[in-house]
Every structure is written in structure tokens, then in C-alpha cells.
N, C-alpha and C. Protein backbone atom coordinates (compact mmCIF):
# COMPACT_ATOMS: atom_id res chain seq x y z
N MET A 1 0.87 -1.17 0.06
CA MET A 1 -0.04 0.03 0.05
C MET A 1 0.77 1.16 -0.14
N SER A 2 0.20 2.36 -0.33
CA SER A 2 0.97 3.75 -0.36
C SER A 2 1.24 4.17 0.85
N ASP A 3 2.19 5.11 0.98
CA ASP A 3 2.56 5.89 2.13
C ASP A 3 1.65 7.10 2.29
N LYS A 4 1.14 7.23 3.52
CA LYS A 4 0.14 8.39 3.63
C LYS A 4 0.72 9.60 3.37
N GLY A 5 2.03 9.87 3.39
CA GLY A 5 2.64 11.14 3.21
C GLY A 5 2.43 11.51 1.89
N ILE A 6 2.48 10.58 0.71
CA ILE A 6 2.25 10.85 -0.73
C ILE A 6 0.88 11.37 -0.80
N ILE A 7 -0.07 10.87 -0.14
CA ILE A 7 -1.50 11.41 -0.17
C ILE A 7 -1.42 12.99 0.21
N ASP A 8 -0.90 13.18 1.54
CA ASP A 8 -0.79 14.48 2.10
C ASP A 8 -0.20 15.41 0.90
N LEU A 9 0.87 15.07 0.41
CA LEU A 9 1.70 15.86 -0.57
C LEU A 9 0.77 16.17 -1.93
N SER A 10 0.08 15.06 -2.24
CA SER A 10 -0.72 15.25 -3.52
C SER A 10 -1.86 16.10 -3.31
N ILE A 11 -2.56 16.03 -2.20
CA ILE A 11 -3.76 16.88 -2.10
C ILE A 11 -3.47 18.30 -1.35
N ASN A 12 -2.26 18.49 -0.89
CA ASN A 12 -1.91 19.71 -0.24
C ASN A 12 -2.25 21.16 -0.96
N ALA A 13 -2.23 21.04 -2.23
CA ALA A 13 -2.48 22.30 -3.15
C ALA A 13 -3.90 22.55 -3.07
N LEU A 14 -4.86 21.56 -2.75
CA LEU A 14 -6.25 21.77 -2.77
C LEU A 14 -6.76 22.75 -1.66
N PRO A 15 -7.88 23.37 -1.74
CA PRO A 15 -8.43 24.04 -0.83
C PRO A 15 -8.79 23.16 0.44
N VAL A 16 -8.52 23.84 1.68
CA VAL A 16 -8.65 23.00 2.87
C VAL A 16 -10.11 22.35 2.99
N ASP A 17 -11.14 23.02 2.49
CA ASP A 17 -12.50 22.22 2.58
C ASP A 17 -12.61 21.15 1.85
N ILE A 18 -11.75 20.97 0.62
CA ILE A 18 -11.92 19.70 -0.01
C ILE A 18 -10.73 18.68 0.45
N ARG A 19 -9.56 19.30 0.83
CA ARG A 19 -8.40 18.51 1.19
C ARG A 19 -8.71 17.50 2.44
N LYS A 20 -9.42 18.02 3.32
CA LYS A 20 -9.63 17.09 4.51
C LYS A 20 -10.60 15.97 4.15
N PRO A 21 -11.69 16.26 3.50
CA PRO A 21 -12.47 15.10 3.36
C PRO A 21 -11.76 14.01 2.39
N LEU A 22 -11.04 14.58 1.43
CA LEU A 22 -10.30 13.66 0.55
C LEU A 22 -9.27 12.87 1.29
N GLN A 23 -8.65 13.47 2.24
CA GLN A 23 -7.59 12.86 3.05
C GLN A 23 -8.08 11.73 3.91
N ARG A 24 -9.46 12.17 4.51
CA ARG A 24 -10.07 11.03 5.40
C ARG A 24 -10.33 9.87 4.52
N ALA A 25 -10.83 10.02 3.27
CA ALA A 25 -11.25 9.06 2.44
C ALA A 25 -10.28 8.21 1.97
N PHE A 26 -8.96 8.68 1.57
CA PHE A 26 -7.81 7.96 1.30
C PHE A 26 -7.32 7.19 2.49
N TYR A 27 -7.26 7.81 3.59
CA TYR A 27 -6.68 7.20 4.80
C TYR A 27 -7.57 5.99 5.10
N GLU A 28 -8.94 6.12 5.06
CA GLU A 28 -9.93 5.11 5.39
C GLU A 28 -9.67 3.94 4.58
N ILE A 29 -9.51 4.06 3.32
CA ILE A 29 -9.07 2.93 2.36
C ILE A 29 -7.89 2.19 2.67
N LEU A 30 -6.76 3.09 3.04
CA LEU A 30 -5.41 2.46 3.36
C LEU A 30 -5.54 1.69 4.55
N ASP A 31 -6.30 2.32 5.63
CA ASP A 31 -6.20 1.68 7.01
C ASP A 31 -7.19 0.59 7.05
N ASN A 32 -8.27 0.34 6.12
CA ASN A 32 -9.19 -0.70 6.32
C ASN A 32 -9.53 -1.54 5.08
N PHE A 33 -8.48 -1.59 4.19
CA PHE A 33 -8.66 -2.46 3.07
C PHE A 33 -8.52 -4.03 3.45
N ARG A 34 -9.80 -4.62 3.04
CA ARG A 34 -9.86 -5.92 3.45
C ARG A 34 -10.40 -6.88 2.19
N PHE A 35 -9.83 -7.98 2.25
CA PHE A 35 -10.54 -9.16 1.39
C PHE A 35 -11.78 -9.60 1.93
N GLY A 36 -11.80 -9.87 3.10
CA GLY A 36 -13.08 -10.24 3.73
C GLY A 36 -13.36 -11.76 3.48
N SER A 37 -14.48 -12.20 3.91
CA SER A 37 -14.64 -13.72 3.87
C SER A 37 -15.91 -14.03 3.08
N GLY A 38 -16.47 -13.08 2.39
CA GLY A 38 -17.87 -13.29 1.66
C GLY A 38 -17.53 -13.66 0.16
N ARG A 39 -18.52 -13.81 -0.59
CA ARG A 39 -18.41 -14.28 -1.94
C ARG A 39 -17.57 -13.18 -2.68
N ARG A 40 -17.76 -11.96 -2.45
CA ARG A 40 -17.06 -10.87 -3.15
C ARG A 40 -16.03 -10.25 -2.11
N ALA A 41 -14.90 -9.97 -2.51
CA ALA A 41 -13.87 -9.38 -1.54
C ALA A 41 -14.47 -7.96 -1.03
N GLN A 42 -14.07 -7.66 0.14
CA GLN A 42 -14.88 -6.53 0.88
C GLN A 42 -14.38 -5.09 0.05
N ASN A 43 -13.07 -5.04 -0.39
CA ASN A 43 -12.71 -3.87 -1.02
C ASN A 43 -12.02 -4.03 -2.44
N ALA A 44 -12.25 -5.10 -2.97
CA ALA A 44 -11.58 -5.43 -4.23
C ALA A 44 -12.60 -6.04 -5.22
N GLN A 45 -12.24 -6.15 -6.44
CA GLN A 45 -12.97 -6.83 -7.55
C GLN A 45 -12.42 -8.26 -7.67
N LEU A 46 -12.64 -8.86 -6.46
CA LEU A 46 -12.27 -10.25 -6.45
C LEU A 46 -13.34 -11.08 -5.85
N TYR A 47 -13.53 -12.36 -6.46
CA TYR A 47 -14.65 -13.14 -6.05
C TYR A 47 -13.98 -14.67 -5.51
N ARG A 48 -14.52 -15.09 -4.41
CA ARG A 48 -14.13 -16.22 -3.77
C ARG A 48 -14.79 -17.55 -4.49
N VAL A 49 -13.95 -18.42 -4.77
CA VAL A 49 -14.56 -19.72 -5.37
C VAL A 49 -13.74 -20.93 -4.52
N THR A 50 -14.43 -21.98 -4.32
CA THR A 50 -13.94 -23.03 -3.71
C THR A 50 -14.00 -24.27 -4.67
N ALA A 51 -13.07 -25.25 -4.44
CA ALA A 51 -13.19 -26.47 -5.16
C ALA A 51 -12.39 -27.56 -4.47
N THR A 52 -12.52 -28.69 -5.09
CA THR A 52 -11.65 -29.69 -4.58
C THR A 52 -10.96 -30.37 -5.75
N THR A 53 -9.58 -30.42 -5.68
CA THR A 53 -8.89 -31.11 -6.79
C THR A 53 -9.30 -32.37 -7.06
N PRO A 54 -9.09 -32.98 -8.22
CA PRO A 54 -9.49 -34.38 -8.65
C PRO A 54 -8.62 -35.43 -7.80
N ASP A 55 -9.24 -36.56 -7.77
CA ASP A 55 -8.38 -37.54 -6.93
C ASP A 55 -7.39 -38.27 -7.70
N VAL A 56 -7.27 -37.68 -8.92
CA VAL A 56 -6.11 -38.20 -9.83
C VAL A 56 -5.25 -36.97 -10.27
N ALA A 57 -3.80 -37.05 -9.95
CA ALA A 57 -3.01 -35.75 -10.11
C ALA A 57 -2.95 -35.65 -11.63
N ASN A 58 -2.93 -34.14 -11.70
CA ASN A 58 -2.76 -33.61 -13.23
C ASN A 58 -3.95 -33.85 -14.09
N THR A 59 -4.98 -33.95 -13.57
CA THR A 59 -6.31 -34.02 -14.16
C THR A 59 -7.07 -32.62 -14.33
N GLU A 60 -7.25 -32.28 -15.46
CA GLU A 60 -8.02 -30.91 -15.59
C GLU A 60 -9.34 -30.91 -14.83
N PHE A 61 -9.71 -29.81 -14.00
CA PHE A 61 -10.89 -29.70 -13.56
C PHE A 61 -11.33 -28.31 -13.75
N ALA A 62 -12.85 -28.13 -13.85
CA ALA A 62 -13.24 -26.81 -14.14
C ALA A 62 -13.94 -26.34 -12.65
N ILE A 63 -13.69 -25.01 -12.65
CA ILE A 63 -14.44 -24.48 -11.39
C ILE A 63 -15.26 -23.36 -11.98
N ALA A 64 -16.56 -23.46 -11.67
CA ALA A 64 -17.54 -22.23 -12.27
C ALA A 64 -17.36 -21.24 -11.14
N HIS A 65 -17.11 -19.94 -11.90
CA HIS A 65 -16.95 -18.77 -11.12
C HIS A 65 -18.18 -17.81 -11.24
N GLY A 66 -19.01 -17.96 -12.14
CA GLY A 66 -20.24 -17.11 -12.21
C GLY A 66 -19.97 -15.51 -12.48
N LEU A 67 -18.97 -15.31 -13.08
CA LEU A 67 -18.82 -13.73 -13.35
C LEU A 67 -19.28 -13.31 -14.75
N GLY A 68 -19.46 -14.21 -15.48
CA GLY A 68 -20.15 -13.92 -16.92
C GLY A 68 -19.06 -13.11 -17.84
N THR A 69 -17.92 -13.23 -17.48
CA THR A 69 -16.77 -12.69 -18.18
C THR A 69 -15.53 -13.55 -17.89
N ALA A 70 -14.75 -13.70 -18.81
CA ALA A 70 -13.36 -14.44 -18.45
C ALA A 70 -12.58 -13.52 -17.41
N PRO A 71 -12.27 -14.07 -16.29
CA PRO A 71 -11.30 -13.49 -15.34
C PRO A 71 -9.73 -13.57 -15.76
N THR A 72 -9.10 -12.62 -15.31
CA THR A 72 -7.89 -12.38 -15.78
C THR A 72 -6.79 -12.97 -14.78
N GLN A 73 -7.11 -13.20 -13.55
CA GLN A 73 -5.94 -13.74 -12.56
C GLN A 73 -6.94 -14.47 -11.46
N VAL A 74 -6.01 -15.35 -10.73
CA VAL A 74 -6.56 -16.10 -9.63
C VAL A 74 -5.33 -15.85 -8.55
N PHE A 75 -5.85 -15.91 -7.34
CA PHE A 75 -4.99 -15.74 -6.17
C PHE A 75 -5.46 -16.84 -5.03
N PRO A 76 -4.50 -17.84 -4.86
CA PRO A 76 -4.82 -18.79 -4.02
C PRO A 76 -5.02 -18.04 -2.55
N VAL A 77 -5.91 -18.66 -1.73
CA VAL A 77 -6.07 -18.20 -0.29
C VAL A 77 -6.04 -19.21 0.70
N LEU A 78 -5.44 -19.17 1.70
CA LEU A 78 -5.49 -20.07 2.81
C LEU A 78 -6.54 -19.70 3.62
N ASP A 79 -7.72 -20.48 3.74
CA ASP A 79 -9.01 -20.27 4.42
C ASP A 79 -8.79 -20.67 5.99
N LEU A 80 -8.52 -19.87 6.78
CA LEU A 80 -8.03 -20.07 8.19
C LEU A 80 -9.24 -20.62 9.04
N LYS A 81 -10.48 -20.61 8.45
CA LYS A 81 -11.64 -21.05 9.18
C LYS A 81 -12.06 -22.55 8.88
N SER A 82 -11.31 -23.00 7.60
CA SER A 82 -11.56 -24.22 7.15
C SER A 82 -10.40 -25.31 7.53
N ILE A 83 -10.81 -26.22 8.45
CA ILE A 83 -9.65 -27.18 8.99
C ILE A 83 -9.26 -28.04 7.53
N GLY A 84 -7.85 -28.26 7.43
CA GLY A 84 -7.58 -28.91 6.25
C GLY A 84 -7.26 -28.20 5.00
N SER A 85 -7.66 -26.81 5.14
CA SER A 85 -7.37 -25.97 4.06
C SER A 85 -5.85 -25.96 3.81
N GLN A 86 -5.76 -25.77 2.40
CA GLN A 86 -4.07 -25.94 2.10
C GLN A 86 -4.01 -24.99 0.95
N LEU A 87 -2.64 -24.75 0.70
CA LEU A 87 -2.34 -23.99 -0.56
C LEU A 87 -1.75 -25.30 -1.30
N VAL A 88 -2.00 -25.37 -2.58
CA VAL A 88 -1.61 -26.58 -3.31
C VAL A 88 -1.21 -25.81 -4.77
N PRO A 89 -0.28 -26.50 -5.32
CA PRO A 89 -0.01 -25.97 -6.75
C PRO A 89 -1.08 -26.29 -7.74
N VAL A 90 -1.41 -25.12 -8.43
CA VAL A 90 -2.51 -25.22 -9.49
C VAL A 90 -1.66 -24.71 -10.68
N GLN A 91 -2.18 -25.32 -11.91
CA GLN A 91 -1.55 -24.86 -13.19
C GLN A 91 -2.86 -24.50 -14.07
N VAL A 92 -2.76 -23.57 -14.82
CA VAL A 92 -3.79 -23.26 -15.86
C VAL A 92 -3.71 -24.28 -17.00
N SER A 93 -4.73 -25.00 -17.18
CA SER A 93 -4.76 -26.07 -18.23
C SER A 93 -5.29 -25.60 -19.38
N ARG A 94 -6.12 -24.58 -19.45
CA ARG A 94 -6.60 -23.87 -20.62
C ARG A 94 -7.09 -22.39 -20.11
N ALA A 95 -7.29 -21.41 -21.03
CA ALA A 95 -7.67 -20.27 -20.73
C ALA A 95 -9.06 -20.18 -20.11
N ALA A 96 -9.27 -19.34 -18.98
CA ALA A 96 -10.62 -19.29 -18.30
C ALA A 96 -11.50 -18.62 -19.67
N ASP A 97 -12.95 -19.00 -19.21
CA ASP A 97 -13.75 -18.32 -19.95
C ASP A 97 -14.91 -17.70 -19.26
N ALA A 98 -16.08 -17.37 -19.73
CA ALA A 98 -16.83 -16.58 -19.03
C ALA A 98 -17.72 -17.43 -17.98
N GLN A 99 -17.46 -18.67 -17.91
CA GLN A 99 -18.22 -19.60 -17.11
C GLN A 99 -17.19 -20.33 -15.96
N ASN A 100 -15.99 -20.71 -16.50
CA ASN A 100 -15.12 -21.51 -15.73
C ASN A 100 -13.75 -21.22 -15.71
N LEU A 101 -12.97 -21.55 -14.74
CA LEU A 101 -11.50 -21.72 -14.64
C LEU A 101 -11.16 -23.09 -14.98
N TYR A 102 -10.00 -23.36 -15.74
CA TYR A 102 -9.62 -24.71 -16.04
C TYR A 102 -8.27 -24.94 -15.45
N LEU A 103 -8.18 -25.77 -14.54
CA LEU A 103 -6.88 -25.98 -13.69
C LEU A 103 -6.61 -27.43 -13.74
N ARG A 104 -5.25 -27.54 -13.31
CA ARG A 104 -4.84 -28.98 -12.87
C ARG A 104 -3.83 -28.67 -11.67
N SER A 105 -3.82 -29.92 -10.93
CA SER A 105 -2.90 -29.91 -9.80
C SER A 105 -2.13 -31.13 -9.61
N THR A 106 -1.13 -31.04 -8.94
CA THR A 106 -0.50 -32.42 -8.64
C THR A 106 -0.95 -32.88 -7.37
N SER A 107 -1.54 -31.96 -6.49
CA SER A 107 -2.27 -32.47 -5.26
C SER A 107 -3.55 -33.14 -5.61
N THR A 108 -3.84 -34.09 -4.99
CA THR A 108 -5.11 -34.69 -5.07
C THR A 108 -6.18 -34.73 -3.98
N SER A 109 -7.48 -34.52 -4.30
CA SER A 109 -8.57 -34.43 -3.33
C SER A 109 -8.31 -33.38 -2.40
N ALA A 110 -7.72 -32.20 -2.71
CA ALA A 110 -7.39 -31.02 -1.87
C ALA A 110 -8.50 -30.14 -2.04
N ALA A 111 -9.09 -29.57 -0.84
CA ALA A 111 -9.95 -28.40 -0.96
C ALA A 111 -9.09 -27.16 -1.04
N ILE A 112 -9.59 -26.41 -2.09
CA ILE A 112 -8.84 -25.13 -2.31
C ILE A 112 -9.88 -24.03 -2.30
N THR A 113 -9.44 -22.82 -2.04
CA THR A 113 -10.05 -21.54 -2.06
C THR A 113 -9.25 -20.57 -2.76
N LEU A 114 -9.93 -19.91 -3.93
CA LEU A 114 -9.14 -19.07 -4.62
C LEU A 114 -10.08 -17.66 -4.79
N PHE A 115 -9.35 -16.53 -4.92
CA PHE A 115 -9.85 -15.34 -5.29
C PHE A 115 -9.75 -15.13 -6.87
N VAL A 116 -10.91 -14.94 -7.56
CA VAL A 116 -10.71 -14.73 -8.96
C VAL A 116 -10.99 -13.12 -9.35
N GLU A 117 -10.06 -12.63 -10.21
CA GLU A 117 -10.34 -11.23 -10.41
C GLU A 117 -11.19 -11.11 -11.83
N ALA A 118 -12.09 -10.23 -11.58
CA ALA A 118 -13.11 -10.06 -12.67
C ALA A 118 -12.46 -9.08 -13.68
């Protein structure tokens, strides 16, 4: 995240009546940015999906993401509320589309949680 001093320097030339509300807004974002635990990240355009890797290693599996557009990135997440949650190696087996992610993994029968960027 950004240093708050940069914010102060950037908005310092603005009138005081505008400067203070903008400063508070930017500080709020920096101090309280969260991914959260819901379907959509609290402060980001990221969506949580869960799946279990196949019981045969390196087998392609699809994960429905429900975004209606092909996502651009995936971030693995270690869900600390889920006993047995683990970070496992995943590999893109083909490009994601508007419905699914297509992955494979060397880990078998592993529960995974991912954040998908829309």
C-alpha cells in the first residue's frame, strides 16, 4: 500500500475544505482495506471460489466462477476457518472463459479456495 505522506503531498495544493474530506477518504481505504470472507472481496473486485482437486493428479478440472466474463487472474487463499485448508500447486490447463476456470494440480482431493479477479 501507499505511504500516507504521498497522499498529503498530493492533495496539499487543494483548498482546505476539499483537502480534509479527501484525506479522510484515502486514509480510510489504506487503513481498512480487506479481502473479507464473503463471496466478493470487501474492497476489491475479487470473487471467492472453492473447489476440490481431482483424486487423480494432473487431471483438468473446471471451477464455475459465475462472473459472466473471463477472469484475468487467480489468487490462492488459505482459508483459516476451514480445517484442512491448504495451498496447493495449481496450473492453468486452458484459458478461463465466461463460465469456468480450467486448472490441474499435482495435489489430489485437496480443498482449495481462490480469489478470482473479474
